[in-house]
Amino acid sequence: MSPVESDEEDLTRKQRREQARADRKALEEAEAAGSARRKRLTQIGVVAGVVVVAIVAILIATGGGSSAKLAHSNKERSNVVSKVEGEIGKIPQNGASIGSPTAPVTLQYYGDLECPICKDFSLGALPGVMKKWVSTGKLRIEYRSLETATHEPETFKSQQVAALAAGKQNKMWQYIELFYNQQGEENSGYVTEKYLQGLAQQIPGLNLAQWTTDRGGAALVNQVASDQQTANNSGFTGTPSFLIGKTGGTMTKFEPTSLTDPTAFDEQIEKLQKG
């Protein structure tokens, strides 16, 4: 081998060694960067997890955030109670019915207390119907239970029985309307025992001890089941649903064109009165 060839081979070996060192250094730097990146991601994940846990804890402590609409302050409670009392407070009640027992026309209203469309009716068309027809002794309304929006059967039974128990003191409609006025977000689980008792505590003159006792009666549970069966027999699958007719006579299905405007109710009631 000539000196020139030997020098070229030594140079090639040197270049390979330098290249190998450079490759190892680049690999080590890449591994170090990856390790640091994984560490940062792990730290971010831990922090995010802590934040999520904190948010969940806050929501649990506050009863699910904004999903529960129960009035808490004295001013809020006073406003909603005054509103409901102004609409129905002076109208006679008897259990689940409101209005004079001698009213010529009867409207059966099938509802689920968690149903948002029932809320639309109760806050929309119903106040006008109450004022024009029920308070003047021309219409009697009966509230019936039909499970549609409430997805837990036991919750449905509990909330409807709570309303019926208020009806034992002729204050069921206060309970119903307070519920609809403070209805929470559907499927949020806002209907708890605390919520049900909070509504009862808002009703002026309600004997809470008697209300609690009456809730345990089997007759009210049976009433909810009976309402459900009657609704099934009538072919109802949604709420609110209505039957209307002359008091003591045949009841027929009534499907109003609007649940927020009382005009359709006015026309049907007038038609039955004239008939």
C-alpha atoms as a PDB file:
ATOM      1  CA  MET A   1       0.000   0.000   0.000  1.00  0.00           C
ATOM      2  CA  SER A   2       1.421   3.394  -0.976  1.00  0.00           C
ATOM      3  CA  PRO A   3       1.722   6.233   1.558  1.00  0.00           C
ATOM      4  CA  VAL A   4      -0.990   8.120  -0.261  1.00  0.00           C
ATOM      5  CA  GLU A   5      -3.419   5.197  -0.047  1.00  0.00           C
ATOM      6  CA  SER A   6      -2.593   4.740   3.662  1.00  0.00           C
ATOM      7  CA  ASP A   7      -3.277   8.408   4.384  1.00  0.00           C
ATOM      8  CA  GLU A   8      -6.628   8.224   2.522  1.00  0.00           C
ATOM      9  CA  GLU A   9      -7.675   5.113   4.481  1.00  0.00           C
ATOM     10  CA  ASP A  10      -6.731   6.749   7.816  1.00  0.00           C
ATOM     11  CA  LEU A  11      -8.734   9.831   6.791  1.00  0.00           C
ATOM     12  CA  THR A  12     -11.746   7.665   5.911  1.00  0.00           C
ATOM     13  CA  ARG A  13     -11.581   5.850   9.265  1.00  0.00           C
ATOM     14  CA  LYS A  14     -11.317   9.181  11.066  1.00  0.00           C
ATOM     15  CA  GLN A  15     -14.300  10.567   9.173  1.00  0.00           C
ATOM     16  CA  ARG A  16     -16.352   7.465  10.025  1.00  0.00           C
ATOM     17  CA  ARG A  17     -15.444   7.800  13.700  1.00  0.00           C
ATOM     18  CA  GLU A  18     -16.376  11.483  13.711  1.00  0.00           C
ATOM     19  CA  GLN A  19     -19.603  10.716  11.893  1.00  0.00           C
ATOM     20  CA  ALA A  20     -20.418   7.968  14.385  1.00  0.00           C
ATOM     21  CA  ARG A  21     -19.756  10.330  17.291  1.00  0.00           C
ATOM     22  CA  ALA A  22     -21.974  12.955  15.674  1.00  0.00           C
ATOM     23  CA  ASP A  23     -24.757  10.392  15.160  1.00  0.00           C
ATOM     24  CA  ARG A  24     -24.530   9.237  18.771  1.00  0.00           C
ATOM     25  CA  LYS A  25     -24.627  12.824  20.006  1.00  0.00           C
ATOM     26  CA  ALA A  26     -27.692  13.611  17.881  1.00  0.00           C
ATOM     27  CA  LEU A  27     -29.423  10.470  19.146  1.00  0.00           C
ATOM     28  CA  GLU A  28     -28.625  11.338  22.761  1.00  0.00           C
ATOM     29  CA  GLU A  29     -29.938  14.882  22.270  1.00  0.00           C
ATOM     30  CA  ALA A  30     -33.123  13.559  20.661  1.00  0.00           C
ATOM     31  CA  GLU A  31     -33.673  11.091  23.526  1.00  0.00           C
ATOM     32  CA  ALA A  32     -33.082  13.848  26.081  1.00  0.00           C
ATOM     33  CA  ALA A  33     -35.541  16.133  24.299  1.00  0.00           C
ATOM     34  CA  GLY A  34     -38.123  13.332  24.147  1.00  0.00           C
ATOM     35  CA  SER A  35     -37.702  12.593  27.835  1.00  0.00           C
ATOM     36  CA  ALA A  36     -38.164  16.251  28.709  1.00  0.00           C
ATOM     37  CA  ARG A  37     -41.238  16.471  26.482  1.00  0.00           C
ATOM     38  CA  ARG A  38     -42.777  13.364  28.087  1.00  0.00           C
ATOM     39  CA  LYS A  39     -42.080  14.812  31.514  1.00  0.00           C
ATOM     40  CA  ARG A  40     -43.797  18.076  30.590  1.00  0.00           C
ATOM     41  CA  LEU A  41     -46.813  16.220  29.176  1.00  0.00           C
ATOM     42  CA  THR A  42     -47.050  14.137  32.334  1.00  0.00           C
ATOM     43  CA  GLN A  43     -46.964  17.274  34.464  1.00  0.00           C
ATOM     44  CA  ILE A  44     -49.650  18.892  32.293  1.00  0.00           C
ATOM     45  CA  GLY A  45     -51.796  15.760  32.569  1.00  0.00           C
ATOM     46  CA  VAL A  46     -51.489  15.750  36.347  1.00  0.00           C
ATOM     47  CA  VAL A  47     -52.437  19.421  36.534  1.00  0.00           C
ATOM     48  CA  ALA A  48     -55.404  18.884  34.190  1.00  0.00           C
ATOM     49  CA  GLY A  49     -56.535  15.939  36.275  1.00  0.00           C
ATOM     50  CA  VAL A  50     -56.393  18.030  39.436  1.00  0.00           C
ATOM     51  CA  VAL A  51     -58.419  20.779  37.734  1.00  0.00           C
ATOM     52  CA  VAL A  52     -61.074  18.295  36.569  1.00  0.00           C
ATOM     53  CA  VAL A  53     -61.355  16.793  40.044  1.00  0.00           C
ATOM     54  CA  ALA A  54     -61.701  20.269  41.525  1.00  0.00           C
ATOM     55  CA  ILE A  55     -64.447  21.210  39.049  1.00  0.00           C
ATOM     56  CA  VAL A  56     -66.357  17.996  39.758  1.00  0.00           C
ATOM     57  CA  ALA A  57     -66.056  18.597  43.485  1.00  0.00           C
ATOM     58  CA  ILE A  58     -67.423  22.125  43.077  1.00  0.00           C
ATOM     59  CA  LEU A  59     -70.348  20.916  40.969  1.00  0.00           C
ATOM     60  CA  ILE A  60     -71.206  18.244  43.507  1.00  0.00           C
ATOM     61  CA  ALA A  61     -71.007  20.736  46.349  1.00  0.00           C
ATOM     62  CA  THR A  62     -73.272  23.177  44.556  1.00  0.00           C
ATOM     63  CA  GLY A  63     -75.827  20.580  43.487  1.00  0.00           C
ATOM     64  CA  GLY A  64     -74.761  20.326  39.836  1.00  0.00           C
ATOM     65  CA  GLY A  65     -74.117  23.947  38.964  1.00  0.00           C
ATOM     66  CA  SER A  66     -76.876  25.694  37.037  1.00  0.00           C
ATOM     67  CA  SER A  67     -78.990  22.573  36.477  1.00  0.00           C
ATOM     68  CA  ALA A  68     -80.947  23.075  39.706  1.00  0.00           C
ATOM     69  CA  LYS A  69     -83.186  26.139  39.531  1.00  0.00           C
ATOM     70  CA  LEU A  70     -84.592  26.094  43.075  1.00  0.00           C
ATOM     71  CA  ALA A  71     -84.876  29.650  44.386  1.00  0.00           C
ATOM     72  CA  HIS A  72     -82.474  30.076  47.293  1.00  0.00           C
ATOM     73  CA  SER A  73     -82.457  33.728  48.269  1.00  0.00           C
ATOM     74  CA  ASN A  74     -85.371  35.215  50.163  1.00  0.00           C
ATOM     75  CA  LYS A  75     -86.019  37.634  47.292  1.00  0.00           C
ATOM     76  CA  GLU A  76     -86.088  34.872  44.641  1.00  0.00           C
ATOM     77  CA  ARG A  77     -88.334  32.718  46.786  1.00  0.00           C
ATOM     78  CA  SER A  78     -90.657  35.604  47.521  1.00  0.00           C
ATOM     79  CA  ASN A  79     -90.949  36.500  43.830  1.00  0.00           C
ATOM     80  CA  VAL A  80     -91.796  32.996  42.629  1.00  0.00           C
ATOM     81  CA  VAL A  81     -94.220  32.335  45.490  1.00  0.00           C
ATOM     82  CA  SER A  82     -95.966  35.660  44.852  1.00  0.00           C
ATOM     83  CA  LYS A  83     -96.253  34.864  41.153  1.00  0.00           C
ATOM     84  CA  VAL A  84     -97.824  31.449  41.771  1.00  0.00           C
ATOM     85  CA  GLU A  85    -100.121  32.694  44.533  1.00  0.00           C
ATOM     86  CA  GLY A  86    -101.265  35.535  42.297  1.00  0.00           C
ATOM     87  CA  GLU A  87    -102.268  33.056  39.575  1.00  0.00           C
ATOM     88  CA  ILE A  88    -103.940  30.306  41.637  1.00  0.00           C
ATOM     89  CA  GLY A  89    -103.950  31.264  45.306  1.00  0.00           C
ATOM     90  CA  LYS A  90    -107.611  32.257  45.441  1.00  0.00           C
ATOM     91  CA  ILE A  91    -108.970  29.391  43.340  1.00  0.00           C
ATOM     92  CA  PRO A  92    -110.503  26.457  45.264  1.00  0.00           C
ATOM     93  CA  GLN A  93    -108.694  23.114  45.103  1.00  0.00           C
ATOM     94  CA  ASN A  94    -109.660  19.562  45.921  1.00  0.00           C
ATOM     95  CA  GLY A  95    -106.820  17.073  45.787  1.00  0.00           C
ATOM     96  CA  ALA A  96    -105.442  17.048  42.248  1.00  0.00           C
ATOM     97  CA  SER A  97    -108.158  19.323  40.843  1.00  0.00           C
ATOM     98  CA  ILE A  98    -108.460  23.087  40.780  1.00  0.00           C
ATOM     99  CA  GLY A  99    -111.615  25.073  40.124  1.00  0.00           C
ATOM    100  CA  SER A 100    -115.256  24.805  41.091  1.00  0.00           C
ATOM    101  CA  PRO A 101    -116.604  21.216  41.273  1.00  0.00           C
ATOM    102  CA  THR A 102    -119.752  22.534  39.556  1.00  0.00           C
ATOM    103  CA  ALA A 103    -117.842  24.025  36.600  1.00  0.00           C
ATOM    104  CA  PRO A 104    -119.577  23.017  33.354  1.00  0.00           C
ATOM    105  CA  VAL A 105    -116.340  21.972  31.614  1.00  0.00           C
ATOM    106  CA  THR A 106    -113.472  19.757  32.837  1.00  0.00           C
ATOM    107  CA  LEU A 107    -109.941  19.618  31.434  1.00  0.00           C
ATOM    108  CA  GLN A 108    -107.677  16.705  32.347  1.00  0.00           C
ATOM    109  CA  TYR A 109    -104.020  17.681  32.088  1.00  0.00           C
ATOM    110  CA  TYR A 110    -101.494  14.832  31.902  1.00  0.00           C
ATOM    111  CA  GLY A 111     -98.026  15.989  32.854  1.00  0.00           C
ATOM    112  CA  ASP A 112     -94.565  15.050  34.040  1.00  0.00           C
ATOM    113  CA  LEU A 113     -93.073  17.538  36.484  1.00  0.00           C
ATOM    114  CA  GLU A 114     -89.676  17.298  34.771  1.00  0.00           C
ATOM    115  CA  CYS A 115     -91.162  17.811  31.286  1.00  0.00           C
ATOM    116  CA  PRO A 116     -89.883  21.107  29.787  1.00  0.00           C
ATOM    117  CA  ILE A 117     -92.848  21.281  27.390  1.00  0.00           C
ATOM    118  CA  CYS A 118     -95.219  21.067  30.360  1.00  0.00           C
ATOM    119  CA  LYS A 119     -93.305  23.999  31.775  1.00  0.00           C
ATOM    120  CA  ASP A 120     -93.956  25.901  28.537  1.00  0.00           C
ATOM    121  CA  PHE A 121     -97.672  25.288  28.999  1.00  0.00           C
ATOM    122  CA  SER A 122     -97.745  26.082  32.710  1.00  0.00           C
ATOM    123  CA  LEU A 123     -95.855  29.337  32.208  1.00  0.00           C
ATOM    124  CA  GLY A 124     -97.445  30.115  28.836  1.00  0.00           C
ATOM    125  CA  ALA A 125    -101.114  29.381  28.119  1.00  0.00           C
ATOM    126  CA  LEU A 126    -102.175  28.159  31.557  1.00  0.00           C
ATOM    127  CA  PRO A 127    -102.177  31.502  33.439  1.00  0.00           C
ATOM    128  CA  GLY A 128    -104.604  32.949  30.886  1.00  0.00           C
ATOM    129  CA  VAL A 129    -106.847  29.880  31.130  1.00  0.00           C
ATOM    130  CA  MET A 130    -106.791  30.101  34.913  1.00  0.00           C
ATOM    131  CA  LYS A 131    -107.750  33.753  34.898  1.00  0.00           C
ATOM    132  CA  LYS A 132    -110.490  33.612  32.257  1.00  0.00           C
ATOM    133  CA  TRP A 133    -112.087  30.239  32.952  1.00  0.00           C
ATOM    134  CA  VAL A 134    -110.992  28.552  36.177  1.00  0.00           C
ATOM    135  CA  SER A 135    -111.154  31.549  38.519  1.00  0.00           C
ATOM    136  CA  THR A 136    -114.638  32.400  37.182  1.00  0.00           C
ATOM    137  CA  GLY A 137    -116.025  28.931  37.902  1.00  0.00           C
ATOM    138  CA  LYS A 138    -116.413  27.914  34.240  1.00  0.00           C
ATOM    139  CA  LEU A 139    -113.615  25.326  34.046  1.00  0.00           C
ATOM    140  CA  ARG A 140    -112.189  22.677  36.338  1.00  0.00           C
ATOM    141  CA  ILE A 141    -108.715  21.249  35.707  1.00  0.00           C
ATOM    142  CA  GLU A 142    -107.522  17.867  36.928  1.00  0.00           C
ATOM    143  CA  TYR A 143    -103.801  17.125  36.982  1.00  0.00           C
ATOM    144  CA  ARG A 144    -102.779  13.552  36.078  1.00  0.00           C
ATOM    145  CA  SER A 145     -99.309  11.985  36.167  1.00  0.00           C
ATOM    146  CA  LEU A 146     -97.698  10.575  33.013  1.00  0.00           C
ATOM    147  CA  GLU A 147     -94.024   9.643  32.952  1.00  0.00           C
ATOM    148  CA  THR A 148     -92.277  10.938  29.831  1.00  0.00           C
ATOM    149  CA  ALA A 149     -89.340  13.262  30.565  1.00  0.00           C
ATOM    150  CA  THR A 150     -88.274  11.710  33.877  1.00  0.00           C
ATOM    151  CA  HIS A 151     -86.004   8.780  33.096  1.00  0.00           C
ATOM    152  CA  GLU A 152     -85.836   7.221  36.563  1.00  0.00           C
ATOM    153  CA  PRO A 153     -89.168   5.579  37.539  1.00  0.00           C
ATOM    154  CA  GLU A 154     -88.457   5.928  41.253  1.00  0.00           C
ATOM    155  CA  THR A 155     -87.670   9.630  40.870  1.00  0.00           C
ATOM    156  CA  PHE A 156     -90.857  10.111  38.877  1.00  0.00           C
ATOM    157  CA  LYS A 157     -92.931   8.348  41.513  1.00  0.00           C
ATOM    158  CA  SER A 158     -91.283  10.320  44.309  1.00  0.00           C
ATOM    159  CA  GLN A 159     -91.816  13.765  42.723  1.00  0.00           C
ATOM    160  CA  GLN A 160     -95.403  13.080  41.654  1.00  0.00           C
ATOM    161  CA  VAL A 161     -96.296  11.668  45.089  1.00  0.00           C
ATOM    162  CA  ALA A 162     -94.758  14.769  46.691  1.00  0.00           C
ATOM    163  CA  ALA A 163     -97.190  16.898  44.668  1.00  0.00           C
ATOM    164  CA  LEU A 164    -100.147  14.644  45.491  1.00  0.00           C
ATOM    165  CA  ALA A 165     -99.238  14.803  49.179  1.00  0.00           C
ATOM    166  CA  ALA A 166     -99.547  18.598  49.019  1.00  0.00           C
ATOM    167  CA  GLY A 167    -102.951  17.962  47.466  1.00  0.00           C
ATOM    168  CA  LYS A 168    -104.041  16.272  50.689  1.00  0.00           C
ATOM    169  CA  GLN A 169    -103.994  19.821  52.086  1.00  0.00           C
ATOM    170  CA  ASN A 170    -105.512  21.258  48.871  1.00  0.00           C
ATOM    171  CA  LYS A 171    -102.198  22.798  47.830  1.00  0.00           C
ATOM    172  CA  MET A 172    -101.152  20.459  45.044  1.00  0.00           C
ATOM    173  CA  TRP A 173    -101.333  23.156  42.403  1.00  0.00           C
ATOM    174  CA  GLN A 174     -98.992  25.386  44.377  1.00  0.00           C
ATOM    175  CA  TYR A 175     -96.515  22.521  44.431  1.00  0.00           C
ATOM    176  CA  ILE A 176     -96.936  21.818  40.716  1.00  0.00           C
ATOM    177  CA  GLU A 177     -96.518  25.424  39.660  1.00  0.00           C
ATOM    178  CA  LEU A 178     -93.586  26.052  41.991  1.00  0.00           C
ATOM    179  CA  PHE A 179     -91.929  22.989  40.472  1.00  0.00           C
ATOM    180  CA  TYR A 180     -92.458  24.161  36.888  1.00  0.00           C
ATOM    181  CA  ASN A 181     -91.322  27.688  37.733  1.00  0.00           C
ATOM    182  CA  GLN A 182     -88.094  26.298  39.218  1.00  0.00           C
ATOM    183  CA  GLN A 183     -87.610  23.349  36.897  1.00  0.00           C
ATOM    184  CA  GLY A 184     -83.996  22.317  36.338  1.00  0.00           C
ATOM    185  CA  GLU A 185     -82.165  21.090  33.270  1.00  0.00           C
ATOM    186  CA  GLU A 186     -83.580  17.843  31.906  1.00  0.00           C
ATOM    187  CA  ASN A 187     -81.564  14.680  32.759  1.00  0.00           C
ATOM    188  CA  SER A 188     -79.293  16.607  35.137  1.00  0.00           C
ATOM    189  CA  GLY A 189     -80.433  14.712  38.237  1.00  0.00           C
ATOM    190  CA  TYR A 190     -81.599  17.866  39.997  1.00  0.00           C
ATOM    191  CA  VAL A 191     -84.658  16.233  41.581  1.00  0.00           C
ATOM    192  CA  THR A 192     -83.323  15.210  44.964  1.00  0.00           C
ATOM    193  CA  GLU A 193     -85.001  14.899  48.327  1.00  0.00           C
ATOM    194  CA  LYS A 194     -83.597  18.313  49.228  1.00  0.00           C
ATOM    195  CA  TYR A 195     -85.173  19.801  46.104  1.00  0.00           C
ATOM    196  CA  LEU A 196     -88.595  18.254  46.815  1.00  0.00           C
ATOM    197  CA  GLN A 197     -88.565  19.444  50.407  1.00  0.00           C
ATOM    198  CA  GLY A 198     -87.390  22.885  49.316  1.00  0.00           C
ATOM    199  CA  LEU A 199     -90.495  23.261  47.153  1.00  0.00           C
ATOM    200  CA  ALA A 200     -92.780  22.180  50.001  1.00  0.00           C
ATOM    201  CA  GLN A 201     -91.177  24.727  52.308  1.00  0.00           C
ATOM    202  CA  GLN A 202     -92.121  27.503  49.894  1.00  0.00           C
ATOM    203  CA  ILE A 203     -95.859  26.788  49.997  1.00  0.00           C
ATOM    204  CA  PRO A 204     -97.629  29.203  52.354  1.00  0.00           C
ATOM    205  CA  GLY A 205     -99.570  27.381  55.050  1.00  0.00           C
ATOM    206  CA  LEU A 206     -98.455  23.849  54.141  1.00  0.00           C
ATOM    207  CA  ASN A 207     -98.107  21.622  57.205  1.00  0.00           C
ATOM    208  CA  LEU A 208     -94.733  20.034  56.482  1.00  0.00           C
ATOM    209  CA  ALA A 209     -95.098  17.279  59.076  1.00  0.00           C
ATOM    210  CA  GLN A 210     -98.414  16.181  57.586  1.00  0.00           C
ATOM    211  CA  TRP A 211     -96.998  16.466  54.068  1.00  0.00           C
ATOM    212  CA  THR A 212     -94.114  14.183  55.022  1.00  0.00           C
ATOM    213  CA  THR A 213     -96.480  11.642  56.546  1.00  0.00           C
ATOM    214  CA  ASP A 214     -98.847  11.722  53.572  1.00  0.00           C
ATOM    215  CA  ARG A 215     -95.979  11.017  51.179  1.00  0.00           C
ATOM    216  CA  GLY A 216     -95.636   7.571  52.718  1.00  0.00           C
ATOM    217  CA  GLY A 217     -99.189   6.530  51.916  1.00  0.00           C
ATOM    218  CA  ALA A 218     -99.699   3.708  49.416  1.00  0.00           C
ATOM    219  CA  ALA A 219    -102.827   5.416  48.039  1.00  0.00           C
ATOM    220  CA  LEU A 220    -100.782   8.170  46.394  1.00  0.00           C
ATOM    221  CA  VAL A 221     -98.427   5.691  44.749  1.00  0.00           C
ATOM    222  CA  ASN A 222    -101.477   3.850  43.459  1.00  0.00           C
ATOM    223  CA  GLN A 223    -102.874   7.119  42.124  1.00  0.00           C
ATOM    224  CA  VAL A 224     -99.736   7.694  40.044  1.00  0.00           C
ATOM    225  CA  ALA A 225    -100.012   4.169  38.631  1.00  0.00           C
ATOM    226  CA  SER A 226    -103.712   4.655  37.916  1.00  0.00           C
ATOM    227  CA  ASP A 227    -103.030   7.915  36.055  1.00  0.00           C
ATOM    228  CA  GLN A 228    -100.433   6.131  33.959  1.00  0.00           C
ATOM    229  CA  GLN A 229    -102.889   3.387  33.046  1.00  0.00           C
ATOM    230  CA  THR A 230    -105.588   5.891  32.096  1.00  0.00           C
ATOM    231  CA  ALA A 231    -103.077   7.732  29.912  1.00  0.00           C
ATOM    232  CA  ASN A 232    -102.101   4.486  28.209  1.00  0.00           C
ATOM    233  CA  ASN A 233    -105.746   3.662  27.594  1.00  0.00           C
ATOM    234  CA  SER A 234    -106.178   7.076  25.993  1.00  0.00           C
ATOM    235  CA  GLY A 235    -103.205   6.476  23.720  1.00  0.00           C
ATOM    236  CA  PHE A 236    -101.061   9.232  25.206  1.00  0.00           C
ATOM    237  CA  THR A 237     -97.302   8.928  24.709  1.00  0.00           C
ATOM    238  CA  GLY A 238     -96.190  12.487  25.405  1.00  0.00           C
ATOM    239  CA  THR A 239     -96.767  15.352  27.788  1.00  0.00           C
ATOM    240  CA  PRO A 240     -98.591  17.588  28.144  1.00  0.00           C
ATOM    241  CA  SER A 241    -101.651  15.708  26.894  1.00  0.00           C
ATOM    242  CA  PHE A 242    -105.274  16.722  27.391  1.00  0.00           C
ATOM    243  CA  LEU A 243    -108.775  15.325  27.624  1.00  0.00           C
ATOM    244  CA  ILE A 244    -111.675  17.774  27.703  1.00  0.00           C
ATOM    245  CA  GLY A 245    -115.428  17.552  27.932  1.00  0.00           C
ATOM    246  CA  LYS A 246    -118.520  18.581  29.786  1.00  0.00           C
ATOM    247  CA  THR A 247    -118.185  17.799  33.471  1.00  0.00           C
ATOM    248  CA  GLY A 248    -119.534  14.323  34.122  1.00  0.00           C
ATOM    249  CA  GLY A 249    -119.762  13.581  30.403  1.00  0.00           C
ATOM    250  CA  THR A 250    -117.555  11.989  27.769  1.00  0.00           C
ATOM    251  CA  MET A 251    -113.967  13.204  27.633  1.00  0.00           C
ATOM    252  CA  THR A 252    -112.225  13.527  24.269  1.00  0.00           C
ATOM    253  CA  LYS A 253    -108.655  14.212  23.218  1.00  0.00           C
ATOM    254  CA  PHE A 254    -107.747  17.846  22.794  1.00  0.00           C
ATOM    255  CA  GLU A 255    -104.607  18.883  20.906  1.00  0.00           C
ATOM    256  CA  PRO A 256    -104.156  22.669  21.137  1.00  0.00           C
ATOM    257  CA  THR A 257    -102.325  24.441  18.343  1.00  0.00           C
ATOM    258  CA  SER A 258    -100.222  26.324  20.891  1.00  0.00           C
ATOM    259  CA  LEU A 259     -99.110  25.674  24.473  1.00  0.00           C
ATOM    260  CA  THR A 260     -98.051  29.259  25.072  1.00  0.00           C
ATOM    261  CA  ASP A 261    -101.107  31.020  23.651  1.00  0.00           C
ATOM    262  CA  PRO A 262    -104.465  30.300  25.369  1.00  0.00           C
ATOM    263  CA  THR A 263    -106.550  31.039  22.255  1.00  0.00           C
ATOM    264  CA  ALA A 264    -107.060  27.385  21.274  1.00  0.00           C
ATOM    265  CA  PHE A 265    -108.166  26.570  24.828  1.00  0.00           C
ATOM    266  CA  ASP A 266    -110.556  29.528  24.819  1.00  0.00           C
ATOM    267  CA  GLU A 267    -112.175  28.372  21.595  1.00  0.00           C
ATOM    268  CA  GLN A 268    -112.620  24.775  22.735  1.00  0.00           C
ATOM    269  CA  ILE A 269    -114.076  25.765  26.115  1.00  0.00           C
ATOM    270  CA  GLU A 270    -116.487  28.202  24.467  1.00  0.00           C
ATOM    271  CA  LYS A 271    -117.571  25.520  22.024  1.00  0.00           C
ATOM    272  CA  LEU A 272    -118.330  23.064  24.844  1.00  0.00           C
ATOM    273  CA  GLN A 273    -120.224  25.684  26.814  1.00  0.00           C
ATOM    274  CA  LYS A 274    -122.410  26.558  23.845  1.00  0.00           C
ATOM    275  CA  GLY A 275    -122.906  22.908  22.984  1.00  0.00           C
END
